[in-house]
PDB file of N, CA and C in Angstrom:
ATOM      1  N   MET A   1     115.855  31.907 186.466  1.00  0.00           N
ATOM      2  CA  MET A   1     116.392  30.787 186.936  1.00  0.00           C
ATOM      3  C   MET A   1     117.487  30.157 185.759  1.00  0.00           C
ATOM      4  N   ASN A   2     118.696  29.768 186.339  1.00  0.00           N
ATOM      5  CA  ASN A   2     119.720  29.181 185.496  1.00  0.00           C
ATOM      6  C   ASN A   2     119.626  27.608 185.503  1.00  0.00           C
ATOM      7  N   ALA A   3     119.485  26.979 184.328  1.00  0.00           N
ATOM      8  CA  ALA A   3     119.415  25.503 184.327  1.00  0.00           C
ATOM      9  C   ALA A   3     121.055  25.132 184.185  1.00  0.00           C
ATOM     10  N   ASN A   4     121.246  23.825 184.775  1.00  0.00           N
ATOM     11  CA  ASN A   4     122.431  23.278 184.424  1.00  0.00           C
ATOM     12  C   ASN A   4     122.523  22.590 183.331  1.00  0.00           C
ATOM     13  N   ARG A   5     123.785  22.634 182.738  1.00  0.00           N
ATOM     14  CA  ARG A   5     124.007  21.956 181.423  1.00  0.00           C
ATOM     15  C   ARG A   5     125.199  21.033 181.653  1.00  0.00           C
ATOM     16  N   THR A   6     125.160  19.737 181.398  1.00  0.00           N
ATOM     17  CA  THR A   6     126.145  18.828 181.671  1.00  0.00           C
ATOM     18  C   THR A   6     126.350  18.103 180.228  1.00  0.00           C
ATOM     19  N   VAL A   7     127.640  17.957 179.842  1.00  0.00           N
ATOM     20  CA  VAL A   7     127.734  17.148 178.599  1.00  0.00           C
ATOM     21  C   VAL A   7     127.927  15.520 179.205  1.00  0.00           C
ATOM     22  N   VAL A   8     127.254  14.823 178.319  1.00  0.00           N
ATOM     23  CA  VAL A   8     127.216  13.258 178.533  1.00  0.00           C
ATOM     24  C   VAL A   8     128.198  12.697 177.785  1.00  0.00           C
ATOM     25  N   HIS A   9     129.112  11.735 178.332  1.00  0.00           N
ATOM     26  CA  HIS A   9     130.026  11.075 177.680  1.00  0.00           C
ATOM     27  C   HIS A   9     130.070   9.613 178.257  1.00  0.00           C
ATOM     28  N   THR A  10     130.081   8.585 177.227  1.00  0.00           N
ATOM     29  CA  THR A  10     130.270   7.135 177.559  1.00  0.00           C
ATOM     30  C   THR A  10     131.227   6.495 176.644  1.00  0.00           C
ATOM     31  N   GLU A  11     132.073   5.633 177.286  1.00  0.00           N
ATOM     32  CA  GLU A  11     132.960   4.930 176.351  1.00  0.00           C
ATOM     33  C   GLU A  11     132.151   3.807 175.795  1.00  0.00           C
ATOM     34  N   LYS A  12     130.873   3.303 176.245  1.00  0.00           N
ATOM     35  CA  LYS A  12     130.092   2.318 175.752  1.00  0.00           C
ATOM     36  C   LYS A  12     129.443   2.581 174.529  1.00  0.00           C
ATOM     37  N   ALA A  13     129.460   3.827 174.004  1.00  0.00           N
ATOM     38  CA  ALA A  13     128.855   4.234 172.675  1.00  0.00           C
ATOM     39  C   ALA A  13     130.038   5.045 171.852  1.00  0.00           C
ATOM     40  N   PRO A  14     129.571   4.965 170.686  1.00  0.00           N
ATOM     41  CA  PRO A  14     130.764   5.681 169.593  1.00  0.00           C
ATOM     42  C   PRO A  14     130.943   7.104 170.083  1.00  0.00           C
ATOM     43  N   GLN A  15     132.207   7.372 169.912  1.00  0.00           N
ATOM     44  CA  GLN A  15     132.766   8.693 170.181  1.00  0.00           C
ATOM     45  C   GLN A  15     132.233   9.620 169.109  1.00  0.00           C
ATOM     46  N   ALA A  16     132.151  10.822 169.391  1.00  0.00           N
ATOM     47  CA  ALA A  16     131.581  12.048 168.499  1.00  0.00           C
ATOM     48  C   ALA A  16     132.611  12.010 167.190  1.00  0.00           C
ATOM     49  N   ILE A  17     132.139  12.229 166.022  1.00  0.00           N
ATOM     50  CA  ILE A  17     133.024  12.312 164.934  1.00  0.00           C
ATOM     51  C   ILE A  17     133.297  13.792 164.542  1.00  0.00           C
ATOM     52  N   GLY A  18     133.032  14.605 165.320  1.00  0.00           N
ATOM     53  CA  GLY A  18     133.041  15.987 165.097  1.00  0.00           C
ATOM     54  C   GLY A  18     133.051  17.053 166.441  1.00  0.00           C
ATOM     55  N   PRO A  19     132.897  18.235 166.306  1.00  0.00           N
ATOM     56  CA  PRO A  19     132.824  18.925 167.577  1.00  0.00           C
ATOM     57  C   PRO A  19     131.457  19.218 168.156  1.00  0.00           C
ATOM     58  N   TYR A  20     131.074  17.936 168.781  1.00  0.00           N
ATOM     59  CA  TYR A  20     129.694  17.980 169.424  1.00  0.00           C
ATOM     60  C   TYR A  20     129.867  16.834 170.402  1.00  0.00           C
ATOM     61  N   SER A  21     128.800  16.832 171.297  1.00  0.00           N
ATOM     62  CA  SER A  21     128.804  15.945 172.381  1.00  0.00           C
ATOM     63  C   SER A  21     127.795  14.799 172.137  1.00  0.00           C
ATOM     64  N   GLN A  22     128.148  13.498 172.776  1.00  0.00           N
ATOM     65  CA  GLN A  22     127.164  12.485 172.629  1.00  0.00           C
ATOM     66  C   GLN A  22     125.641  12.942 172.968  1.00  0.00           C
ATOM     67  N   ALA A  23     125.648  13.628 174.069  1.00  0.00           N
ATOM     68  CA  ALA A  23     124.355  14.335 174.548  1.00  0.00           C
ATOM     69  C   ALA A  23     124.784  15.372 175.556  1.00  0.00           C
ATOM     70  N   VAL A  24     123.613  16.075 175.696  1.00  0.00           N
ATOM     71  CA  VAL A  24     123.786  17.191 176.725  1.00  0.00           C
ATOM     72  C   VAL A  24     122.578  17.079 177.583  1.00  0.00           C
ATOM     73  N   LYS A  25     122.658  17.205 178.922  1.00  0.00           N
ATOM     74  CA  LYS A  25     121.542  17.062 179.720  1.00  0.00           C
ATOM     75  C   LYS A  25     121.465  18.318 180.522  1.00  0.00           C
ATOM     76  N   THR A  26     120.239  18.625 180.822  1.00  0.00           N
ATOM     77  CA  THR A  26     119.842  19.702 181.558  1.00  0.00           C
ATOM     78  C   THR A  26     119.333  19.159 182.962  1.00  0.00           C
ATOM     79  N   ASP A  27     118.643  20.064 183.796  1.00  0.00           N
ATOM     80  CA  ASP A  27     118.091  19.489 184.979  1.00  0.00           C
ATOM     81  C   ASP A  27     117.072  18.519 184.713  1.00  0.00           C
ATOM     82  N   THR A  28     116.367  18.656 183.704  1.00  0.00           N
ATOM     83  CA  THR A  28     115.152  17.786 183.464  1.00  0.00           C
ATOM     84  C   THR A  28     115.266  17.089 182.157  1.00  0.00           C
ATOM     85  N   MET A  29     116.218  17.406 181.260  1.00  0.00           N
ATOM     86  CA  MET A  29     116.021  16.710 179.851  1.00  0.00           C
ATOM     87  C   MET A  29     117.403  16.336 179.523  1.00  0.00           C
ATOM     88  N   VAL A  30     117.267  15.418 178.364  1.00  0.00           N
ATOM     89  CA  VAL A  30     118.490  14.952 177.716  1.00  0.00           C
ATOM     90  C   VAL A  30     118.279  15.072 176.422  1.00  0.00           C
ATOM     91  N   PHE A  31     119.285  15.657 175.608  1.00  0.00           N
ATOM     92  CA  PHE A  31     119.243  15.887 174.184  1.00  0.00           C
ATOM     93  C   PHE A  31     120.389  15.051 173.661  1.00  0.00           C
ATOM     94  N   VAL A  32     120.069  13.981 172.850  1.00  0.00           N
ATOM     95  CA  VAL A  32     121.095  13.002 172.332  1.00  0.00           C
ATOM     96  C   VAL A  32     121.389  13.444 170.909  1.00  0.00           C
ATOM     97  N   SER A  33     122.560  13.572 170.646  1.00  0.00           N
ATOM     98  CA  SER A  33     123.036  13.837 169.105  1.00  0.00           C
ATOM     99  C   SER A  33     122.579  12.755 168.286  1.00  0.00           C
ATOM    100  N   GLY A  34     122.490  13.100 166.963  1.00  0.00           N
ATOM    101  CA  GLY A  34     122.217  11.890 166.038  1.00  0.00           C
ATOM    102  C   GLY A  34     123.174  10.811 166.134  1.00  0.00           C
ATOM    103  N   GLN A  35     122.707   9.535 166.180  1.00  0.00           N
ATOM    104  CA  GLN A  35     123.394   8.327 166.338  1.00  0.00           C
ATOM    105  C   GLN A  35     123.442   7.538 165.025  1.00  0.00           C
ATOM    106  N   LEU A  36     124.580   7.223 164.644  1.00  0.00           N
ATOM    107  CA  LEU A  36     124.701   6.227 163.445  1.00  0.00           C
ATOM    108  C   LEU A  36     125.094   4.868 164.004  1.00  0.00           C
ATOM    109  N   ALA A  37     125.191   3.928 163.037  1.00  0.00           N
ATOM    110  CA  ALA A  37     125.342   2.578 163.390  1.00  0.00           C
ATOM    111  C   ALA A  37     126.883   2.222 163.603  1.00  0.00           C
ATOM    112  N   PHE A  38     127.737   3.160 164.361  1.00  0.00           N
ATOM    113  CA  PHE A  38     128.877   2.756 164.606  1.00  0.00           C
ATOM    114  C   PHE A  38     129.066   1.568 165.746  1.00  0.00           C
ATOM    115  N   ASP A  39     129.912   0.712 165.394  1.00  0.00           N
ATOM    116  CA  ASP A  39     129.993  -0.448 166.632  1.00  0.00           C
ATOM    117  C   ASP A  39     131.198   0.365 167.571  1.00  0.00           C
ATOM    118  N   PRO A  40     130.645   0.516 168.746  1.00  0.00           N
ATOM    119  CA  PRO A  40     131.518   1.308 169.707  1.00  0.00           C
ATOM    120  C   PRO A  40     132.782   0.492 169.966  1.00  0.00           C
ATOM    121  N   ALA A  41     132.791  -0.796 169.873  1.00  0.00           N
ATOM    122  CA  ALA A  41     134.092  -1.723 170.101  1.00  0.00           C
ATOM    123  C   ALA A  41     135.048  -1.493 168.970  1.00  0.00           C
ATOM    124  N   THR A  42     134.676  -1.351 167.870  1.00  0.00           N
ATOM    125  CA  THR A  42     135.571  -1.487 166.736  1.00  0.00           C
ATOM    126  C   THR A  42     135.702  -0.152 165.893  1.00  0.00           C
ATOM    127  N   GLY A  43     134.743   0.632 166.048  1.00  0.00           N
ATOM    128  CA  GLY A  43     134.586   1.934 165.430  1.00  0.00           C
ATOM    129  C   GLY A  43     134.092   1.813 163.952  1.00  0.00           C
ATOM    130  N   ASP A  44     133.715   0.599 163.448  1.00  0.00           N
ATOM    131  CA  ASP A  44     133.191   0.161 162.087  1.00  0.00           C
ATOM    132  C   ASP A  44     131.844   0.785 162.036  1.00  0.00           C
ATOM    133  N   LEU A  45     131.540   1.325 160.907  1.00  0.00           N
ATOM    134  CA  LEU A  45     130.219   1.656 160.790  1.00  0.00           C
ATOM    135  C   LEU A  45     129.383   0.522 159.938  1.00  0.00           C
ATOM    136  N   LEU A  46     128.341  -0.084 160.716  1.00  0.00           N
ATOM    137  CA  LEU A  46     127.633  -1.280 160.154  1.00  0.00           C
ATOM    138  C   LEU A  46     126.533  -0.799 159.220  1.00  0.00           C
ATOM    139  N   THR A  47     126.825  -1.057 157.832  1.00  0.00           N
ATOM    140  CA  THR A  47     125.884  -0.803 156.874  1.00  0.00           C
ATOM    141  C   THR A  47     125.609  -1.924 155.876  1.00  0.00           C
ATOM    142  N   ASP A  48     125.716  -3.196 156.462  1.00  0.00           N
ATOM    143  CA  ASP A  48     125.382  -4.463 155.727  1.00  0.00           C
ATOM    144  C   ASP A  48     123.881  -4.427 155.136  1.00  0.00           C
ATOM    145  N   ASP A  49     123.147  -4.124 156.106  1.00  0.00           N
ATOM    146  CA  ASP A  49     121.497  -4.154 155.679  1.00  0.00           C
ATOM    147  C   ASP A  49     120.935  -2.950 156.577  1.00  0.00           C
ATOM    148  N   ILE A  50     119.932  -2.549 156.242  1.00  0.00           N
ATOM    149  CA  ILE A  50     119.298  -1.398 157.101  1.00  0.00           C
ATOM    150  C   ILE A  50     118.810  -1.956 158.352  1.00  0.00           C
ATOM    151  N   LYS A  51     118.281  -3.090 158.543  1.00  0.00           N
ATOM    152  CA  LYS A  51     117.831  -3.647 159.845  1.00  0.00           C
ATOM    153  C   LYS A  51     119.138  -3.618 160.824  1.00  0.00           C
ATOM    154  N   THR A  52     120.081  -4.049 160.457  1.00  0.00           N
ATOM    155  CA  THR A  52     121.408  -4.144 161.175  1.00  0.00           C
ATOM    156  C   THR A  52     121.853  -2.833 161.532  1.00  0.00           C
ATOM    157  N   GLU A  53     121.750  -1.883 160.555  1.00  0.00           N
ATOM    158  CA  GLU A  53     122.172  -0.544 160.763  1.00  0.00           C
ATOM    159  C   GLU A  53     121.289   0.178 161.769  1.00  0.00           C
ATOM    160  N   THR A  54     120.009   0.058 161.430  1.00  0.00           N
ATOM    161  CA  THR A  54     119.008   0.625 162.492  1.00  0.00           C
ATOM    162  C   THR A  54     119.096   0.087 163.965  1.00  0.00           C
ATOM    163  N   ARG A  55     119.429  -0.983 163.878  1.00  0.00           N
ATOM    164  CA  ARG A  55     119.487  -1.719 165.391  1.00  0.00           C
ATOM    165  C   ARG A  55     120.666  -1.154 166.143  1.00  0.00           C
ATOM    166  N   GLN A  56     121.750  -0.965 165.449  1.00  0.00           N
ATOM    167  CA  GLN A  56     122.985  -0.653 166.094  1.00  0.00           C
ATOM    168  C   GLN A  56     122.757   0.865 166.438  1.00  0.00           C
ATOM    169  N   ALA A  57     122.181   1.670 165.546  1.00  0.00           N
ATOM    170  CA  ALA A  57     122.115   3.127 166.008  1.00  0.00           C
ATOM    171  C   ALA A  57     121.014   3.260 167.151  1.00  0.00           C
ATOM    172  N   MET A  58     120.126   2.434 167.170  1.00  0.00           N
ATOM    173  CA  MET A  58     119.129   2.400 168.396  1.00  0.00           C
ATOM    174  C   MET A  58     119.742   1.986 169.533  1.00  0.00           C
ATOM    175  N   HIS A  59     120.707   0.921 169.507  1.00  0.00           N
ATOM    176  CA  HIS A  59     121.399   0.579 170.667  1.00  0.00           C
ATOM    177  C   HIS A  59     122.271   1.589 171.091  1.00  0.00           C
ATOM    178  N   ASN A  60     122.999   2.332 170.237  1.00  0.00           N
ATOM    179  CA  ASN A  60     123.930   3.472 170.723  1.00  0.00           C
ATOM    180  C   ASN A  60     123.135   4.612 171.314  1.00  0.00           C
ATOM    181  N   LEU A  61     121.908   4.826 170.907  1.00  0.00           N
ATOM    182  CA  LEU A  61     120.922   5.747 171.520  1.00  0.00           C
ATOM    183  C   LEU A  61     120.525   5.442 173.062  1.00  0.00           C
ATOM    184  N   LYS A  62     120.190   4.122 173.119  1.00  0.00           N
ATOM    185  CA  LYS A  62     119.818   3.511 174.363  1.00  0.00           C
ATOM    186  C   LYS A  62     120.895   3.596 175.339  1.00  0.00           C
ATOM    187  N   THR A  63     122.252   3.247 174.900  1.00  0.00           N
ATOM    188  CA  THR A  63     123.335   3.362 175.798  1.00  0.00           C
ATOM    189  C   THR A  63     123.822   4.739 176.329  1.00  0.00           C
ATOM    190  N   ILE A  64     123.628   5.753 175.476  1.00  0.00           N
ATOM    191  CA  ILE A  64     123.880   7.142 175.747  1.00  0.00           C
ATOM    192  C   ILE A  64     122.882   7.680 176.722  1.00  0.00           C
ATOM    193  N   LEU A  65     121.413   7.319 176.445  1.00  0.00           N
ATOM    194  CA  LEU A  65     120.274   7.684 177.425  1.00  0.00           C
ATOM    195  C   LEU A  65     120.656   7.054 178.786  1.00  0.00           C
ATOM    196  N   GLU A  66     121.156   6.012 178.852  1.00  0.00           N
ATOM    197  CA  GLU A  66     121.314   5.309 180.083  1.00  0.00           C
ATOM    198  C   GLU A  66     122.480   6.066 180.928  1.00  0.00           C
ATOM    199  N   ALA A  67     123.553   6.224 180.182  1.00  0.00           N
ATOM    200  CA  ALA A  67     124.638   6.943 180.734  1.00  0.00           C
ATOM    201  C   ALA A  67     124.289   8.307 181.206  1.00  0.00           C
ATOM    202  N   ALA A  68     123.286   8.965 180.738  1.00  0.00           N
ATOM    203  CA  ALA A  68     122.896  10.271 181.120  1.00  0.00           C
ATOM    204  C   ALA A  68     121.831  10.187 182.218  1.00  0.00           C
ATOM    205  N   GLY A  69     121.503   8.958 182.672  1.00  0.00           N
ATOM    206  CA  GLY A  69     120.576   8.659 183.756  1.00  0.00           C
ATOM    207  C   GLY A  69     119.155   8.851 183.194  1.00  0.00           C
ATOM    208  N   SER A  70     118.979   8.436 181.862  1.00  0.00           N
ATOM    209  CA  SER A  70     117.483   8.253 181.414  1.00  0.00           C
ATOM    210  C   SER A  70     117.403   6.891 180.647  1.00  0.00           C
ATOM    211  N   SER A  71     116.250   6.979 179.955  1.00  0.00           N
ATOM    212  CA  SER A  71     116.013   5.495 179.264  1.00  0.00           C
ATOM    213  C   SER A  71     115.212   5.718 178.123  1.00  0.00           C
ATOM    214  N   LEU A  72     114.958   4.640 177.409  1.00  0.00           N
ATOM    215  CA  LEU A  72     114.160   4.755 176.044  1.00  0.00           C
ATOM    216  C   LEU A  72     112.667   5.063 176.565  1.00  0.00           C
ATOM    217  N   GLU A  73     112.339   4.708 177.686  1.00  0.00           N
ATOM    218  CA  GLU A  73     110.920   4.837 178.255  1.00  0.00           C
ATOM    219  C   GLU A  73     110.683   6.267 178.632  1.00  0.00           C
ATOM    220  N   LYS A  74     111.708   7.040 178.885  1.00  0.00           N
ATOM    221  CA  LYS A  74     111.397   8.495 179.019  1.00  0.00           C
ATOM    222  C   LYS A  74     111.647   9.279 177.831  1.00  0.00           C
ATOM    223  N   VAL A  75     112.012   8.847 176.648  1.00  0.00           N
ATOM    224  CA  VAL A  75     112.049   9.580 175.317  1.00  0.00           C
ATOM    225  C   VAL A  75     110.635  10.322 174.927  1.00  0.00           C
ATOM    226  N   VAL A  76     110.710  11.437 174.747  1.00  0.00           N
ATOM    227  CA  VAL A  76     109.502  12.333 174.353  1.00  0.00           C
ATOM    228  C   VAL A  76     109.426  12.585 172.922  1.00  0.00           C
ATOM    229  N   LYS A  77     110.624  12.453 172.158  1.00  0.00           N
ATOM    230  CA  LYS A  77     110.658  12.958 170.854  1.00  0.00           C
ATOM    231  C   LYS A  77     111.840  12.356 170.130  1.00  0.00           C
ATOM    232  N   THR A  78     111.666  11.794 168.929  1.00  0.00           N
ATOM    233  CA  THR A  78     112.857  11.178 168.239  1.00  0.00           C
ATOM    234  C   THR A  78     112.655  11.767 166.762  1.00  0.00           C
ATOM    235  N   THR A  79     113.839  12.021 166.192  1.00  0.00           N
ATOM    236  CA  THR A  79     113.761  12.336 164.689  1.00  0.00           C
ATOM    237  C   THR A  79     114.627  11.265 164.016  1.00  0.00           C
ATOM    238  N   LEU A  80     114.074  10.654 162.902  1.00  0.00           N
ATOM    239  CA  LEU A  80     114.728   9.675 162.079  1.00  0.00           C
ATOM    240  C   LEU A  80     115.173  10.139 160.756  1.00  0.00           C
ATOM    241  N   PHE A  81     116.329   9.974 160.433  1.00  0.00           N
ATOM    242  CA  PHE A  81     116.756  10.396 159.104  1.00  0.00           C
ATOM    243  C   PHE A  81     117.026   9.155 158.332  1.00  0.00           C
ATOM    244  N   ILE A  82     116.529   8.964 157.128  1.00  0.00           N
ATOM    245  CA  ILE A  82     116.832   7.802 156.277  1.00  0.00           C
ATOM    246  C   ILE A  82     117.163   8.213 154.910  1.00  0.00           C
ATOM    247  N   LYS A  83     118.128   7.482 154.357  1.00  0.00           N
ATOM    248  CA  LYS A  83     118.606   7.828 153.085  1.00  0.00           C
ATOM    249  C   LYS A  83     117.665   7.458 152.041  1.00  0.00           C
ATOM    250  N   ASN A  84     116.980   6.211 152.261  1.00  0.00           N
ATOM    251  CA  ASN A  84     116.011   5.815 151.215  1.00  0.00           C
ATOM    252  C   ASN A  84     114.632   5.495 151.811  1.00  0.00           C
ATOM    253  N   MET A  85     113.642   6.189 151.563  1.00  0.00           N
ATOM    254  CA  MET A  85     112.188   6.052 152.127  1.00  0.00           C
ATOM    255  C   MET A  85     111.743   4.676 151.932  1.00  0.00           C
ATOM    256  N   ASP A  86     112.272   4.007 151.045  1.00  0.00           N
ATOM    257  CA  ASP A  86     111.750   2.697 150.746  1.00  0.00           C
ATOM    258  C   ASP A  86     112.127   1.737 151.841  1.00  0.00           C
ATOM    259  N   ASP A  87     113.131   1.968 152.677  1.00  0.00           N
ATOM    260  CA  ASP A  87     113.480   1.340 153.850  1.00  0.00           C
ATOM    261  C   ASP A  87     112.632   1.732 154.993  1.00  0.00           C
ATOM    262  N   PHE A  88     111.743   2.606 155.080  1.00  0.00           N
ATOM    263  CA  PHE A  88     110.961   2.868 156.061  1.00  0.00           C
ATOM    264  C   PHE A  88     110.311   1.708 156.672  1.00  0.00           C
ATOM    265  N   PRO A  89     109.869   0.668 155.980  1.00  0.00           N
ATOM    266  CA  PRO A  89     109.053  -0.409 156.757  1.00  0.00           C
ATOM    267  C   PRO A  89     109.958  -1.156 157.627  1.00  0.00           C
ATOM    268  N   LEU A  90     111.221  -1.398 157.107  1.00  0.00           N
ATOM    269  CA  LEU A  90     112.218  -1.924 157.765  1.00  0.00           C
ATOM    270  C   LEU A  90     112.585  -1.377 158.918  1.00  0.00           C
ATOM    271  N   VAL A  91     112.864  -0.039 158.954  1.00  0.00           N
ATOM    272  CA  VAL A  91     113.311   0.858 159.968  1.00  0.00           C
ATOM    273  C   VAL A  91     112.338   0.788 161.121  1.00  0.00           C
ATOM    274  N   ASN A  92     111.019   0.903 160.566  1.00  0.00           N
ATOM    275  CA  ASN A  92     109.898   0.810 161.558  1.00  0.00           C
ATOM    276  C   ASN A  92     109.849  -0.359 162.402  1.00  0.00           C
ATOM    277  N   GLU A  93     110.053  -1.398 161.650  1.00  0.00           N
ATOM    278  CA  GLU A  93     110.053  -2.838 162.351  1.00  0.00           C
ATOM    279  C   GLU A  93     111.202  -2.683 163.567  1.00  0.00           C
ATOM    280  N   VAL A  94     112.484  -2.275 163.326  1.00  0.00           N
ATOM    281  CA  VAL A  94     113.359  -2.452 164.205  1.00  0.00           C
ATOM    282  C   VAL A  94     113.060  -1.176 165.338  1.00  0.00           C
ATOM    283  N   TYR A  95     112.625  -0.085 164.968  1.00  0.00           N
ATOM    284  CA  TYR A  95     112.241   0.915 166.034  1.00  0.00           C
ATOM    285  C   TYR A  95     111.313   0.294 166.917  1.00  0.00           C
ATOM    286  N   GLY A  96     110.414  -0.501 166.498  1.00  0.00           N
ATOM    287  CA  GLY A  96     109.210  -0.979 167.227  1.00  0.00           C
ATOM    288  C   GLY A  96     109.810  -2.104 168.350  1.00  0.00           C
ATOM    289  N   GLU A  97     111.118  -2.532 167.990  1.00  0.00           N
ATOM    290  CA  GLU A  97     111.695  -3.431 168.940  1.00  0.00           C
ATOM    291  C   GLU A  97     112.269  -2.652 170.215  1.00  0.00           C
ATOM    292  N   PHE A  98     112.438  -1.479 170.087  1.00  0.00           N
ATOM    293  CA  PHE A  98     113.018  -0.557 170.990  1.00  0.00           C
ATOM    294  C   PHE A  98     111.954   0.237 171.781  1.00  0.00           C
ATOM    295  N   PHE A  99     110.950   0.701 171.004  1.00  0.00           N
ATOM    296  CA  PHE A  99     109.723   1.557 171.541  1.00  0.00           C
ATOM    297  C   PHE A  99     108.659   0.534 171.439  1.00  0.00           C
ATOM    298  N   THR A 100     108.094   0.074 172.580  1.00  0.00           N
ATOM    299  CA  THR A 100     106.926  -0.906 172.410  1.00  0.00           C
ATOM    300  C   THR A 100     105.641  -0.453 172.853  1.00  0.00           C
ATOM    301  N   ASP A 101     105.722   0.644 173.549  1.00  0.00           N
ATOM    302  CA  ASP A 101     104.400   1.243 173.995  1.00  0.00           C
ATOM    303  C   ASP A 101     104.503   2.660 174.442  1.00  0.00           C
ATOM    304  N   ASN A 102     103.605   3.330 174.758  1.00  0.00           N
ATOM    305  CA  ASN A 102     103.847   4.945 175.180  1.00  0.00           C
ATOM    306  C   ASN A 102     104.685   5.602 174.212  1.00  0.00           C
ATOM    307  N   PHE A 103     104.633   5.469 172.955  1.00  0.00           N
ATOM    308  CA  PHE A 103     105.549   5.830 171.890  1.00  0.00           C
ATOM    309  C   PHE A 103     105.828   7.372 172.101  1.00  0.00           C
ATOM    310  N   PRO A 104     107.018   7.849 171.785  1.00  0.00           N
ATOM    311  CA  PRO A 104     107.271   9.123 171.740  1.00  0.00           C
ATOM    312  C   PRO A 104     106.884   9.842 170.462  1.00  0.00           C
ATOM    313  N   ALA A 105     106.721  11.086 170.446  1.00  0.00           N
ATOM    314  CA  ALA A 105     106.418  11.817 169.198  1.00  0.00           C
ATOM    315  C   ALA A 105     107.651  11.525 168.285  1.00  0.00           C
ATOM    316  N   ARG A 106     107.422  11.566 166.962  1.00  0.00           N
ATOM    317  CA  ARG A 106     108.383  11.224 165.966  1.00  0.00           C
ATOM    318  C   ARG A 106     108.309  11.902 164.716  1.00  0.00           C
ATOM    319  N   ALA A 107     109.350  12.310 164.111  1.00  0.00           N
ATOM    320  CA  ALA A 107     109.401  12.684 162.737  1.00  0.00           C
ATOM    321  C   ALA A 107     110.383  11.859 161.959  1.00  0.00           C
ATOM    322  N   CYS A 108     110.178  11.637 160.741  1.00  0.00           N
ATOM    323  CA  CYS A 108     110.987  10.711 159.913  1.00  0.00           C
ATOM    324  C   CYS A 108     111.170  11.440 158.559  1.00  0.00           C
ATOM    325  N   VAL A 109     112.398  11.704 158.144  1.00  0.00           N
ATOM    326  CA  VAL A 109     112.564  12.462 156.851  1.00  0.00           C
ATOM    327  C   VAL A 109     113.666  11.548 156.020  1.00  0.00           C
ATOM    328  N   GLU A 110     113.421  11.660 154.738  1.00  0.00           N
ATOM    329  CA  GLU A 110     114.450  11.237 153.758  1.00  0.00           C
ATOM    330  C   GLU A 110     115.460  12.322 153.518  1.00  0.00           C
ATOM    331  N   VAL A 111     116.558  11.929 153.465  1.00  0.00           N
ATOM    332  CA  VAL A 111     117.791  12.994 153.280  1.00  0.00           C
ATOM    333  C   VAL A 111     118.540  12.545 152.081  1.00  0.00           C
ATOM    334  N   ALA A 112     119.388  13.433 151.440  1.00  0.00           N
ATOM    335  CA  ALA A 112     120.238  13.060 150.231  1.00  0.00           C
ATOM    336  C   ALA A 112     121.437  12.327 150.856  1.00  0.00           C
ATOM    337  N   ARG A 113     121.816  12.786 151.904  1.00  0.00           N
ATOM    338  CA  ARG A 113     123.205  12.135 152.385  1.00  0.00           C
ATOM    339  C   ARG A 113     123.366  12.275 153.826  1.00  0.00           C
ATOM    340  N   LEU A 114     124.025  11.264 154.500  1.00  0.00           N
ATOM    341  CA  LEU A 114     124.274  11.402 155.963  1.00  0.00           C
ATOM    342  C   LEU A 114     125.771  11.195 156.210  1.00  0.00           C
ATOM    343  N   PRO A 115     126.221  11.431 157.225  1.00  0.00           N
ATOM    344  CA  PRO A 115     127.653  11.417 157.612  1.00  0.00           C
ATOM    345  C   PRO A 115     128.179  10.098 157.338  1.00  0.00           C
ATOM    346  N   ARG A 116     129.300   9.805 156.719  1.00  0.00           N
ATOM    347  CA  ARG A 116     130.034   8.700 156.521  1.00  0.00           C
ATOM    348  C   ARG A 116     129.191   7.822 155.658  1.00  0.00           C
ATOM    349  N   ASP A 117     128.306   8.374 154.720  1.00  0.00           N
ATOM    350  CA  ASP A 117     127.364   7.556 153.875  1.00  0.00           C
ATOM    351  C   ASP A 117     126.550   6.719 154.734  1.00  0.00           C
ATOM    352  N   ALA A 118     126.178   6.918 155.949  1.00  0.00           N
ATOM    353  CA  ALA A 118     125.318   6.117 156.543  1.00  0.00           C
ATOM    354  C   ALA A 118     123.884   6.151 155.937  1.00  0.00           C
ATOM    355  N   ASN A 119     123.025   5.178 156.258  1.00  0.00           N
ATOM    356  CA  ASN A 119     121.600   4.988 155.706  1.00  0.00           C
ATOM    357  C   ASN A 119     120.609   5.433 156.681  1.00  0.00           C
ATOM    358  N   PHE A 120     120.984   5.573 158.047  1.00  0.00           N
ATOM    359  CA  PHE A 120     120.026   5.750 159.082  1.00  0.00           C
ATOM    360  C   PHE A 120     120.715   6.632 160.061  1.00  0.00           C
ATOM    361  N   GLU A 121     120.102   7.540 160.596  1.00  0.00           N
ATOM    362  CA  GLU A 121     120.354   8.205 161.867  1.00  0.00           C
ATOM    363  C   GLU A 121     119.253   8.562 162.710  1.00  0.00           C
ATOM    364  N   ILE A 122     119.445   8.636 164.138  1.00  0.00           N
ATOM    365  CA  ILE A 122     118.270   8.887 164.874  1.00  0.00           C
ATOM    366  C   ILE A 122     118.912   9.876 165.973  1.00  0.00           C
ATOM    367  N   GLU A 123     118.123  10.900 166.305  1.00  0.00           N
ATOM    368  CA  GLU A 123     118.481  11.778 167.464  1.00  0.00           C
ATOM    369  C   GLU A 123     117.219  11.729 168.391  1.00  0.00           C
ATOM    370  N   ALA A 124     117.332  12.121 169.660  1.00  0.00           N
ATOM    371  CA  ALA A 124     116.147  12.102 170.730  1.00  0.00           C
ATOM    372  C   ALA A 124     116.322  13.182 171.633  1.00  0.00           C
ATOM    373  N   VAL A 125     115.169  13.541 172.238  1.00  0.00           N
ATOM    374  CA  VAL A 125     114.970  14.193 173.394  1.00  0.00           C
ATOM    375  C   VAL A 125     114.246  13.338 174.404  1.00  0.00           C
ATOM    376  N   SER A 126     114.773  13.443 175.643  1.00  0.00           N
ATOM    377  CA  SER A 126     114.314  12.537 176.824  1.00  0.00           C
ATOM    378  C   SER A 126     114.272  13.314 178.084  1.00  0.00           C
ATOM    379  N   LEU A 127     113.341  12.934 178.877  1.00  0.00           N
ATOM    380  CA  LEU A 127     113.142  13.229 180.294  1.00  0.00           C
ATOM    381  C   LEU A 127     114.252  12.638 181.007  1.00  0.00           C
ATOM    382  N   LEU A 128     114.665  13.259 182.196  1.00  0.00           N
ATOM    383  CA  LEU A 128     115.547  12.464 183.036  1.00  0.00           C
ATOM    384  C   LEU A 128     114.877  11.756 184.147  1.00  0.00           C
TER     385      LEU A 128
END
């Protein structure tokens, strides 16, 4: 059986900063690329504080999921990348504003560096 593969693109979320898609969907799943805290209106990376940065990246994730025909409620797995694990409690607080129950599976790792020297990045896999 051949599954359909469709590139997801929306002007309401930051554009890809490399040779990749905002997301790719199949017949039943959506795979969202790592999202940083770019403001889609200005292109600026919001890094003033970790909560603002996390909130913007989460909003970008939500926007792409909706463009793909999915939603945060259908997310089955997220991966969080944090530059400083000391920020984990604040990141977790903001994450909890977006995922309030029936939580997806999740991994969170501290990384040495992220694109554009961001402090937070999130990727997700969701059902359609």
